[in-house]
Amino acid sequence: MPFRATKIVATLGPASSEPALLEKMIRAGVNVVRLNFSHGTAQDHIDRARLVREAAARAGCEVAIMADLQGPKIRVGKFAQGKVQLTIGHKFILDASRAEPGDENGVGLDYKELPRDVKAGDILLLNDGLIVMKVEAVKGEAVHAVVVMGGELSNNKGINKQGGGLTAPALTAKDMEDIKTAMAFQADYVAVSFPQNATDMEMARQLCNVAAAQFNHKPHLIAKIERAEAIPRLVEILAASDGIMVARGDLAIEVGNAAVPALQKRMIKLAHEMDKTVITATHMMESMINNPVPTRAEVSDVANAVLDGSDAVMTSAETAAGKYPLETVVEMANICAAAEEAEEVALDADFSGKTFARIDQSIAMGALFTAYHLGAKAIVALTDSGSTALWMSRHRIHIPIYAVTSKVASQRKMALYRNVTPLLMDTSADRDTALAQAEAHLKARGIVQTGDTYAITCGEPMGTPGGTNTLKICKVS
């Protein structure tokens, strides 16, 4: 398998929960497994987390687990016949007070605040934007609308408001319980759905840290950017998060399909500038739910996400419910590797005019610069928390970065970092012994051999978080 810098996040579901298949998917290139908390019980997620850890152990590597919170249910209720057919010009009532099942004239709402969030003239998009309605009037708890673009509307389909403006809180009571479940199995990442501002992310972090305190665990938080309101607040949301997910499905419905590609590029660039991770998601290999090969457009989409600088690309239904979960991972890995060969390295330009106030960050940048100009075979970071490896991973360099840590939690979190291969190793408190152990580790894995040059960073004293203060250039004897 060719070396691949871009990571793959795969959603686990009924199609991929067989232990042998999951192991094959991990061997084929899955780095992070996403558990979708929109489906299943708490026990289902606990069981699946154990399944992931066991499959990763058999595959001889560590993967990260991402718990993806459901967020607010901004959906219609259920229909008496399961679905209705709506045509252009049809009058339809979305009624928050309606208890009985829906029919062709109207339906109840799971989202009870809709009547207070909309006014006459607003455009509502239902079922991922396939059905469009214009609000004509709001009467008490009932939103009276006319169908602008028709189609089939079935039970519990989502509602979006064009341009954003729905007030649903990012964290629901269910999410708060789900955070406790995710921390019970020490999820490495928690993805927060529909955050509107930094406060949403800060609240999620506080809830995670409280729930995980008994395990001495602190997950990293990913903000899913899927609301129009989040776009002008990207900087504050990024500052309060460890990374973002470009969640193109709901985002496209709110801001329009045409706006998403440019937003994707902007978000990825901003995440890099702020030393955060970024996942590009939604409909990446959608056709592979039913077909064994992707479309040419999907290949281009994944490749462009790689060339934009995504840390990871993500599958959803393709691996959770599709017919070809393993084939999807294999195709995605091959596309990523091919796209990376075409990347341009502009390290000198990256550093032009930059200053680094922290010693550990300066050492990390020095390692990149020196290794690149020396043509080193590898860059090795002895790291406690993984921050040195994260900083290095923000810059494109066609030299693999190996992050050596003694902490399994750090190893798993670094599974998401672009161009970083995390390795677990008990490092000695003595620097020279640790450096010798690291080189032996690399030689044993076939990463370096006699005559190769590599750069290594570490801290003195060893094992101090944020203490990286040493860069050494080594030649394997």
Protein backbone atom coordinates (compact mmCIF):
# COMPACT_ATOMS: atom_id res chain seq x y z
CA MET A 1 0.00 0.00 0.00
CA PRO A 2 1.47 3.41 -0.98
CA PHE A 3 2.23 5.91 1.77
CA ARG A 4 -0.74 8.19 2.30
CA ALA A 5 -0.70 11.46 4.22
CA THR A 6 -4.47 12.14 4.15
CA LYS A 7 -6.45 10.17 6.70
CA ILE A 8 -9.76 8.33 6.21
CA VAL A 9 -12.69 8.64 8.60
CA ALA A 10 -15.18 5.81 8.06
CA THR A 11 -18.67 5.64 9.55
CA LEU A 12 -19.50 2.36 11.24
CA GLY A 13 -22.94 0.86 10.69
CA PRO A 14 -24.78 -2.37 9.91
CA ALA A 15 -22.80 -2.85 6.69
CA SER A 16 -19.43 -2.69 8.43
CA SER A 17 -19.98 -4.14 11.91
CA GLU A 18 -18.83 -7.67 11.13
CA PRO A 19 -15.48 -8.03 12.99
CA ALA A 20 -13.48 -9.57 10.12
CA LEU A 21 -14.72 -6.94 7.66
CA LEU A 22 -13.95 -4.08 10.02
CA GLU A 23 -10.43 -5.43 10.50
CA LYS A 24 -9.97 -5.53 6.70
CA MET A 25 -11.20 -1.94 6.45
CA ILE A 26 -8.68 -0.82 9.06
CA ARG A 27 -5.90 -2.67 7.25
CA ALA A 28 -7.04 -1.04 3.99
CA GLY A 29 -6.63 2.44 5.42
CA VAL A 30 -9.26 3.52 7.94
CA ASN A 31 -7.63 5.81 10.52
CA VAL A 32 -10.69 7.07 12.40
CA VAL A 33 -13.99 5.26 12.98
CA ARG A 34 -17.08 7.45 13.31
CA LEU A 35 -19.94 6.31 15.52
CA ASN A 36 -23.12 8.12 14.45
CA PHE A 37 -25.16 8.84 17.58
CA SER A 38 -28.21 9.66 15.44
CA HIS A 39 -28.83 5.92 15.31
CA GLY A 40 -28.75 3.17 17.93
CA THR A 41 -28.81 2.89 21.70
CA ALA A 42 -26.12 3.71 24.24
CA GLN A 43 -25.28 0.01 24.51
CA ASP A 44 -24.99 -0.26 20.70
CA HIS A 45 -22.29 2.43 20.73
CA ILE A 46 -20.46 0.86 23.67
CA ASP A 47 -20.46 -2.50 21.86
CA ARG A 48 -19.27 -0.93 18.61
CA ALA A 49 -16.47 0.93 20.35
CA ARG A 50 -15.24 -2.37 21.79
CA LEU A 51 -15.53 -3.91 18.31
CA VAL A 52 -13.33 -1.13 16.89
CA ARG A 53 -10.65 -1.49 19.58
CA GLU A 54 -10.54 -5.28 19.10
CA ALA A 55 -10.36 -5.03 15.29
CA ALA A 56 -7.59 -2.42 15.50
CA ALA A 57 -5.61 -4.64 17.88
CA ARG A 58 -5.87 -7.56 15.45
CA ALA A 59 -4.77 -5.25 12.61
CA GLY A 60 -1.76 -4.20 14.69
CA CYS A 61 -2.50 -0.48 14.83
CA GLU A 62 -4.48 2.11 16.75
CA VAL A 63 -7.37 4.05 15.26
CA ALA A 64 -9.26 6.96 16.74
CA ILE A 65 -12.94 6.74 17.61
CA MET A 66 -15.13 9.74 16.86
CA ALA A 67 -18.50 10.06 18.60
CA ASP A 68 -20.70 12.17 16.33
CA LEU A 69 -23.54 13.76 18.31
CA GLN A 70 -27.00 13.94 16.73
CA GLY A 71 -27.71 17.55 17.60
CA PRO A 72 -31.20 19.07 17.44
CA LYS A 73 -33.88 17.13 15.55
CA ILE A 74 -35.12 19.76 13.12
CA ARG A 75 -37.58 17.41 11.44
CA VAL A 76 -41.19 16.90 10.45
CA GLY A 77 -43.24 14.28 12.31
CA LYS A 78 -44.71 11.06 10.94
CA PHE A 79 -47.38 10.48 8.27
CA ALA A 80 -50.38 8.14 8.51
CA GLN A 81 -49.25 6.41 5.30
CA GLY A 82 -45.53 6.89 5.93
CA LYS A 83 -45.22 9.48 3.17
CA VAL A 84 -47.12 11.95 0.96
CA GLN A 85 -46.63 13.26 -2.57
CA LEU A 86 -46.49 17.05 -2.83
CA THR A 87 -46.93 19.02 -6.05
CA ILE A 88 -46.09 22.62 -6.99
CA GLY A 89 -48.67 25.07 -5.70
CA HIS A 90 -49.95 22.66 -3.05
CA LYS A 91 -50.84 24.28 0.31
CA PHE A 92 -49.23 22.53 3.28
CA ILE A 93 -49.28 23.19 7.04
CA LEU A 94 -46.35 22.45 9.36
CA ASP A 95 -48.08 22.36 12.75
CA ALA A 96 -46.12 22.20 16.02
CA SER A 97 -49.32 21.44 17.97
CA ARG A 98 -50.48 18.57 15.75
CA ALA A 99 -50.50 15.21 17.56
CA GLU A 100 -52.15 12.99 14.93
CA PRO A 101 -50.15 11.56 11.97
CA GLY A 102 -49.74 13.76 8.91
CA ASP A 103 -51.50 13.68 5.56
CA GLU A 104 -51.35 15.53 2.23
CA ASN A 105 -52.55 18.74 3.92
CA GLY A 106 -50.04 18.94 6.75
CA VAL A 107 -47.86 17.25 9.34
CA GLY A 108 -46.69 17.70 12.93
CA LEU A 109 -43.20 18.81 13.90
CA ASP A 110 -40.46 17.25 16.01
CA TYR A 111 -39.00 20.77 16.08
CA LYS A 112 -41.57 22.75 18.08
CA GLU A 113 -39.83 26.14 17.72
CA LEU A 114 -40.31 26.41 13.95
CA PRO A 115 -43.32 28.78 14.16
CA ARG A 116 -41.21 31.28 16.13
CA ASP A 117 -38.21 30.97 13.81
CA VAL A 118 -39.93 31.76 10.51
CA LYS A 119 -42.09 34.49 8.96
CA ALA A 120 -44.00 35.03 5.74
CA GLY A 121 -41.66 34.98 2.74
CA ASP A 122 -39.08 32.60 4.25
CA ILE A 123 -37.99 29.60 2.20
CA LEU A 124 -37.98 26.16 3.85
CA LEU A 125 -36.03 23.24 2.43
CA LEU A 126 -37.13 19.75 3.39
CA ASN A 127 -35.58 16.31 2.80
CA ASP A 128 -32.07 17.64 2.04
CA GLY A 129 -33.46 20.41 -0.15
CA LEU A 130 -35.38 18.12 -2.50
CA ILE A 131 -38.66 19.79 -1.45
CA VAL A 132 -38.95 23.57 -1.25
CA MET A 133 -41.76 25.50 0.44
CA LYS A 134 -42.42 29.22 0.83
CA VAL A 135 -43.96 30.40 4.09
CA GLU A 136 -47.22 32.30 3.47
CA ALA A 137 -48.24 32.92 7.08
CA VAL A 138 -47.61 31.85 10.66
CA LYS A 139 -50.79 31.39 12.71
CA GLY A 140 -50.12 30.38 16.30
CA GLU A 141 -48.31 27.03 16.21
CA ALA A 142 -49.03 26.47 12.50
CA VAL A 143 -46.74 27.44 9.63
CA HIS A 144 -48.81 27.80 6.45
CA ALA A 145 -46.70 27.22 3.34
CA VAL A 146 -47.02 26.65 -0.40
CA VAL A 147 -44.97 24.03 -2.26
CA VAL A 148 -42.46 25.63 -4.67
CA MET A 149 -40.68 22.40 -5.60
CA GLY A 150 -42.55 19.15 -5.00
CA GLY A 151 -41.76 15.51 -4.45
CA GLU A 152 -42.13 12.76 -1.90
CA LEU A 153 -42.04 13.76 1.77
CA SER A 154 -41.77 10.90 4.24
CA ASN A 155 -41.51 10.43 8.01
CA ASN A 156 -39.04 12.49 10.05
CA LYS A 157 -37.35 14.27 7.13
CA GLY A 158 -35.18 17.25 8.00
CA ILE A 159 -36.09 20.93 7.72
CA ASN A 160 -33.67 23.74 6.88
CA LYS A 161 -34.31 27.43 6.46
CA GLN A 162 -32.61 29.06 3.49
CA GLY A 163 -29.97 31.46 4.78
CA GLY A 164 -30.11 29.95 8.29
CA GLY A 165 -31.85 31.37 11.32
CA LEU A 166 -33.25 28.37 13.18
CA THR A 167 -32.69 28.82 16.91
CA ALA A 168 -32.32 25.16 17.92
CA PRO A 169 -29.51 24.76 20.49
CA ALA A 170 -26.51 22.73 19.34
CA LEU A 171 -26.60 20.49 22.43
CA THR A 172 -29.82 18.72 23.31
CA ALA A 173 -30.65 16.65 26.40
CA LYS A 174 -29.97 13.54 24.29
CA ASP A 175 -26.52 14.88 23.32
CA MET A 176 -25.67 15.45 26.98
CA GLU A 177 -26.49 11.82 27.77
CA ASP A 178 -24.62 10.67 24.66
CA ILE A 179 -21.51 12.56 25.81
CA LYS A 180 -21.57 10.47 29.00
CA THR A 181 -21.82 7.30 26.89
CA ALA A 182 -18.96 8.40 24.62
CA MET A 183 -16.74 9.19 27.59
CA ALA A 184 -17.54 5.79 29.15
CA PHE A 185 -15.51 4.21 26.32
CA GLN A 186 -13.15 7.20 26.06
CA ALA A 187 -13.97 8.39 22.57
CA ASP A 188 -10.93 10.22 21.19
CA TYR A 189 -12.99 12.81 19.33
CA VAL A 190 -16.47 14.23 19.86
CA ALA A 191 -18.10 15.89 16.85
CA VAL A 192 -20.65 18.57 17.78
CA SER A 193 -23.54 19.03 15.33
CA PHE A 194 -24.90 22.45 14.34
CA PRO A 195 -22.76 24.73 16.56
CA GLN A 196 -23.52 28.40 15.97
CA ASN A 197 -20.73 29.99 18.01
CA ALA A 198 -17.81 29.40 20.36
CA THR A 199 -20.13 29.10 23.36
CA ASP A 200 -21.67 25.91 21.92
CA MET A 201 -18.21 24.35 21.66
CA GLU A 202 -17.12 25.56 25.10
CA MET A 203 -20.22 24.02 26.66
CA ALA A 204 -19.57 20.73 24.86
CA ARG A 205 -15.96 20.71 26.08
CA GLN A 206 -17.02 21.34 29.65
CA LEU A 207 -19.56 18.49 29.51
CA CYS A 208 -16.98 16.15 27.97
CA ASN A 209 -14.28 16.99 30.50
CA VAL A 210 -16.65 16.50 33.45
CA ALA A 211 -17.91 13.16 32.10
CA ALA A 212 -14.37 11.96 31.31
CA ALA A 213 -12.66 13.19 34.50
CA GLN A 214 -13.05 9.83 36.27
CA PHE A 215 -11.10 8.21 33.39
CA ASN A 216 -8.42 10.94 33.36
CA HIS A 217 -9.36 11.50 29.73
CA LYS A 218 -9.86 14.63 27.61
CA PRO A 219 -11.29 14.15 24.11
CA HIS A 220 -10.64 16.50 21.22
CA LEU A 221 -13.65 18.39 19.89
CA ILE A 222 -14.66 18.75 16.24
CA ALA A 223 -17.14 21.47 15.26
CA LYS A 224 -19.36 20.41 12.37
CA ILE A 225 -19.86 23.48 10.20
CA GLU A 226 -23.37 23.01 8.82
CA ARG A 227 -25.25 26.20 9.71
CA ALA A 228 -25.17 29.48 7.83
CA GLU A 229 -24.76 31.27 11.19
CA ALA A 230 -21.45 29.46 11.77
CA ILE A 231 -19.75 30.95 8.69
CA PRO A 232 -19.20 34.52 10.00
CA ARG A 233 -18.07 33.02 13.33
CA LEU A 234 -15.57 30.52 11.93
CA VAL A 235 -12.58 32.06 13.72
CA GLU A 236 -14.19 31.96 17.17
CA ILE A 237 -15.55 28.44 16.59
CA LEU A 238 -12.13 27.21 15.47
CA ALA A 239 -10.48 28.85 18.46
CA ALA A 240 -12.83 26.94 20.79
CA SER A 241 -12.37 23.61 18.95
CA ASP A 242 -9.59 21.18 18.09
CA GLY A 243 -10.79 20.92 14.53
CA ILE A 244 -13.74 21.35 12.18
CA MET A 245 -15.73 19.18 9.84
CA VAL A 246 -16.80 20.67 6.52
CA ALA A 247 -20.28 19.10 6.70
CA ARG A 248 -21.36 19.91 3.18
CA GLY A 249 -24.86 18.39 3.29
CA ASP A 250 -26.76 20.68 5.66
CA LEU A 251 -24.40 23.57 4.88
CA ALA A 252 -25.23 23.39 1.16
CA ILE A 253 -28.95 23.45 1.91
CA GLU A 254 -28.62 26.61 4.00
CA VAL A 255 -26.12 28.59 1.89
CA GLY A 256 -26.74 27.05 -1.56
CA ASN A 257 -24.75 24.38 -3.40
CA ALA A 258 -22.74 26.88 -5.43
CA ALA A 259 -21.25 28.55 -2.34
CA VAL A 260 -19.89 25.35 -0.78
CA PRO A 261 -16.68 24.68 -2.81
CA ALA A 262 -15.25 28.13 -2.06
CA LEU A 263 -16.31 27.84 1.59
CA GLN A 264 -14.59 24.44 1.77
CA LYS A 265 -11.31 25.93 0.58
CA ARG A 266 -11.63 28.88 2.95
CA MET A 267 -12.36 26.66 5.96
CA ILE A 268 -9.44 24.33 5.25
CA LYS A 269 -7.04 27.26 4.81
CA LEU A 270 -8.24 28.91 8.02
CA ALA A 271 -7.95 25.66 9.99
CA HIS A 272 -4.33 25.29 8.87
CA GLU A 273 -3.53 28.88 9.80
CA MET A 274 -4.99 28.30 13.29
CA ASP A 275 -3.21 24.93 13.78
CA LYS A 276 -6.47 22.98 13.81
CA THR A 277 -7.46 19.75 12.04
CA VAL A 278 -10.09 19.63 9.30
CA ILE A 279 -12.26 16.82 7.92
CA THR A 280 -14.09 17.11 4.60
CA ALA A 281 -17.33 15.13 4.63
CA THR A 282 -20.69 14.31 3.00
CA HIS A 283 -21.44 12.60 -0.32
CA MET A 284 -17.76 11.99 -1.12
CA MET A 285 -18.30 8.50 -2.58
CA GLU A 286 -22.12 8.45 -2.51
CA SER A 287 -22.54 6.26 -5.60
CA MET A 288 -20.56 3.48 -3.91
CA ILE A 289 -23.53 2.82 -1.62
CA ASN A 290 -24.79 0.75 -4.56
CA ASN A 291 -21.89 0.57 -7.03
CA PRO A 292 -18.45 -1.09 -6.69
CA VAL A 293 -16.63 1.89 -8.26
CA PRO A 294 -16.99 5.67 -7.75
CA THR A 295 -17.98 8.16 -10.43
CA ARG A 296 -15.30 10.32 -12.03
CA ALA A 297 -16.85 13.35 -10.33
CA GLU A 298 -16.49 11.67 -6.91
CA VAL A 299 -12.84 10.85 -7.64
CA SER A 300 -12.24 14.53 -8.46
CA ASP A 301 -14.11 15.64 -5.33
CA VAL A 302 -11.96 13.50 -3.02
CA ALA A 303 -8.77 14.49 -4.85
CA ASN A 304 -9.61 18.20 -4.58
CA ALA A 305 -10.30 17.85 -0.85
CA VAL A 306 -6.80 16.36 -0.55
CA LEU A 307 -5.21 19.09 -2.67
CA ASP A 308 -7.04 21.73 -0.59
CA GLY A 309 -5.19 20.33 2.46
CA SER A 310 -7.83 18.29 4.33
CA ASP A 311 -6.45 16.24 7.20
CA ALA A 312 -9.07 13.60 6.44
CA VAL A 313 -11.86 12.68 4.07
CA MET A 314 -14.95 10.95 5.43
CA THR A 315 -17.43 8.30 4.40
CA SER A 316 -20.99 8.20 5.74
CA ALA A 317 -23.62 5.82 4.35
CA GLU A 318 -21.02 4.38 1.95
CA THR A 319 -19.45 2.35 4.77
CA ALA A 320 -22.33 2.40 7.27
CA ALA A 321 -25.08 1.00 5.06
CA GLY A 322 -23.65 0.50 1.57
CA LYS A 323 -22.99 -2.67 -0.38
CA TYR A 324 -19.24 -2.04 -0.76
CA PRO A 325 -17.74 -0.67 2.48
CA LEU A 326 -14.30 -2.25 1.99
CA GLU A 327 -14.09 -1.27 -1.66
CA THR A 328 -14.99 2.32 -0.72
CA VAL A 329 -12.04 2.52 1.68
CA VAL A 330 -9.64 1.00 -0.87
CA GLU A 331 -10.77 3.42 -3.60
CA MET A 332 -10.55 6.39 -1.25
CA ALA A 333 -7.04 5.45 -0.11
CA ASN A 334 -5.85 5.13 -3.71
CA ILE A 335 -7.36 8.48 -4.71
CA CYS A 336 -5.71 10.21 -1.74
CA ALA A 337 -2.29 8.72 -2.48
CA ALA A 338 -2.48 9.69 -6.18
CA ALA A 339 -3.60 13.24 -5.40
CA GLU A 340 -0.77 13.73 -2.91
CA GLU A 341 1.80 12.94 -5.61
CA ALA A 342 0.60 16.05 -7.45
CA GLU A 343 0.89 18.35 -4.41
CA GLU A 344 3.32 21.23 -4.55
CA VAL A 345 5.56 21.86 -1.54
CA ALA A 346 5.96 25.57 -0.78
CA LEU A 347 7.62 25.37 2.62
CA ASP A 348 9.84 28.43 2.15
CA ALA A 349 6.80 30.52 1.22
CA ASP A 350 4.88 29.09 4.21
CA PHE A 351 7.53 30.41 6.60
CA SER A 352 8.10 33.75 4.88
CA GLY A 353 7.32 36.57 7.29
CA LYS A 354 6.30 34.15 10.06
CA THR A 355 7.52 34.39 13.64
CA PHE A 356 7.15 31.73 16.31
CA ALA A 357 6.98 32.87 19.93
CA ARG A 358 7.09 29.37 21.46
CA ILE A 359 10.29 27.34 21.66
CA ASP A 360 8.52 24.02 20.95
CA GLN A 361 6.77 25.43 17.88
CA SER A 362 10.05 26.93 16.61
CA ILE A 363 11.76 23.54 16.98
CA ALA A 364 8.90 21.86 15.07
CA MET A 365 9.19 24.36 12.20
CA GLY A 366 12.99 24.08 12.23
CA ALA A 367 12.70 20.31 11.86
CA LEU A 368 10.44 20.67 8.81
CA PHE A 369 12.69 23.26 7.15
CA THR A 370 15.92 21.38 7.80
CA ALA A 371 14.58 17.94 6.83
CA TYR A 372 13.14 19.32 3.60
CA HIS A 373 16.35 21.01 2.49
CA LEU A 374 18.51 18.04 3.51
CA GLY A 375 16.25 15.55 1.75
CA ALA A 376 15.79 13.57 4.97
CA LYS A 377 14.02 10.20 4.86
CA ALA A 378 11.82 10.91 7.87
CA ILE A 379 10.98 13.38 10.61
CA VAL A 380 10.57 11.92 14.09
CA ALA A 381 8.87 13.75 16.95
CA LEU A 382 9.15 12.40 20.48
CA THR A 383 5.96 13.91 21.85
CA ASP A 384 3.85 13.66 24.97
CA SER A 385 0.62 15.40 23.94
CA GLY A 386 1.09 15.34 20.16
CA SER A 387 1.21 19.13 19.71
CA THR A 388 4.65 19.05 18.03
CA ALA A 389 3.35 16.58 15.44
CA LEU A 390 0.22 18.69 14.92
CA TRP A 391 2.25 21.80 14.14
CA MET A 392 4.41 19.88 11.70
CA SER A 393 1.35 18.41 10.00
CA ARG A 394 -0.03 21.88 9.12
CA HIS A 395 2.59 22.24 6.36
CA ARG A 396 2.88 20.21 3.18
CA ILE A 397 6.11 18.30 3.00
CA HIS A 398 6.66 15.05 1.17
CA ILE A 399 8.58 13.57 4.09
CA PRO A 400 6.65 11.31 6.47
CA ILE A 401 6.36 12.42 10.09
CA TYR A 402 6.54 9.73 12.78
CA ALA A 403 5.23 10.79 16.17
CA VAL A 404 6.58 8.62 18.97
CA THR A 405 4.62 8.79 22.22
CA SER A 406 4.30 6.72 25.38
CA LYS A 407 0.58 7.60 25.71
CA VAL A 408 -2.06 5.54 23.92
CA ALA A 409 -4.53 8.46 24.12
CA SER A 410 -2.06 10.73 22.27
CA GLN A 411 -1.36 8.01 19.72
CA ARG A 412 -5.06 7.66 18.94
CA LYS A 413 -5.69 11.40 18.65
CA MET A 414 -2.77 11.75 16.23
CA ALA A 415 -4.39 9.16 13.95
CA LEU A 416 -6.33 12.10 12.45
CA TYR A 417 -3.31 14.35 11.77
CA ARG A 418 -2.31 14.64 8.13
CA ASN A 419 1.05 13.03 7.24
CA VAL A 420 1.60 11.81 10.81
CA THR A 421 2.09 8.14 11.67
CA PRO A 422 1.77 7.81 15.46
CA LEU A 423 3.88 5.12 17.12
CA LEU A 424 3.64 3.89 20.69
CA MET A 425 6.91 3.40 22.52
CA ASP A 426 8.03 3.52 26.14
CA THR A 427 10.64 6.27 26.05
CA SER A 428 13.38 6.42 28.63
CA ALA A 429 13.75 9.47 30.86
CA ASP A 430 17.35 9.68 29.57
CA ARG A 431 17.46 11.58 26.27
CA ASP A 432 20.25 9.65 24.56
CA THR A 433 18.67 6.32 25.48
CA ALA A 434 15.31 7.53 24.16
CA LEU A 435 16.83 8.69 20.88
CA ALA A 436 18.58 5.34 20.43
CA GLN A 437 15.32 3.51 21.21
CA ALA A 438 13.45 5.64 18.66
CA GLU A 439 15.99 4.90 15.91
CA ALA A 440 15.88 1.17 16.70
CA HIS A 441 12.09 1.36 16.53
CA LEU A 442 12.24 2.99 13.08
CA LYS A 443 14.81 0.50 11.79
CA ALA A 444 12.75 -2.44 13.03
CA ARG A 445 9.75 -1.13 11.09
CA GLY A 446 11.78 -0.60 7.92
CA ILE A 447 11.22 3.15 7.99
CA VAL A 448 14.94 3.99 7.91
CA GLN A 449 18.03 1.95 7.07
CA THR A 450 21.78 2.36 7.16
CA GLY A 451 22.88 5.59 5.49
CA ASP A 452 19.51 7.36 5.79
CA THR A 453 19.27 10.83 7.30
CA TYR A 454 16.37 11.79 9.56
CA ALA A 455 15.44 14.69 11.83
CA ILE A 456 14.30 14.08 15.40
CA THR A 457 12.82 16.45 17.96
CA CYS A 458 12.46 15.92 21.70
CA GLY A 459 12.43 17.76 24.99
CA GLU A 460 14.71 17.88 27.99
CA PRO A 461 13.72 16.82 30.54
CA MET A 462 11.85 14.03 28.75
CA GLY A 463 8.08 13.59 29.12
CA THR A 464 7.20 17.23 29.81
CA PRO A 465 4.13 18.38 27.83
CA GLY A 466 5.05 21.34 25.62
CA GLY A 467 8.71 20.84 26.47
CA THR A 468 10.16 20.15 22.99
CA ASN A 469 13.40 22.12 22.86
CA THR A 470 15.85 19.97 20.89
CA LEU A 471 16.35 19.24 17.18
CA LYS A 472 18.90 16.66 16.11
CA ILE A 473 19.88 15.53 12.62
CA CYS A 474 20.90 11.89 12.59
CA LYS A 475 22.45 9.50 10.07
CA VAL A 476 21.64 5.83 10.55
CA SER A 477 24.82 3.84 11.05
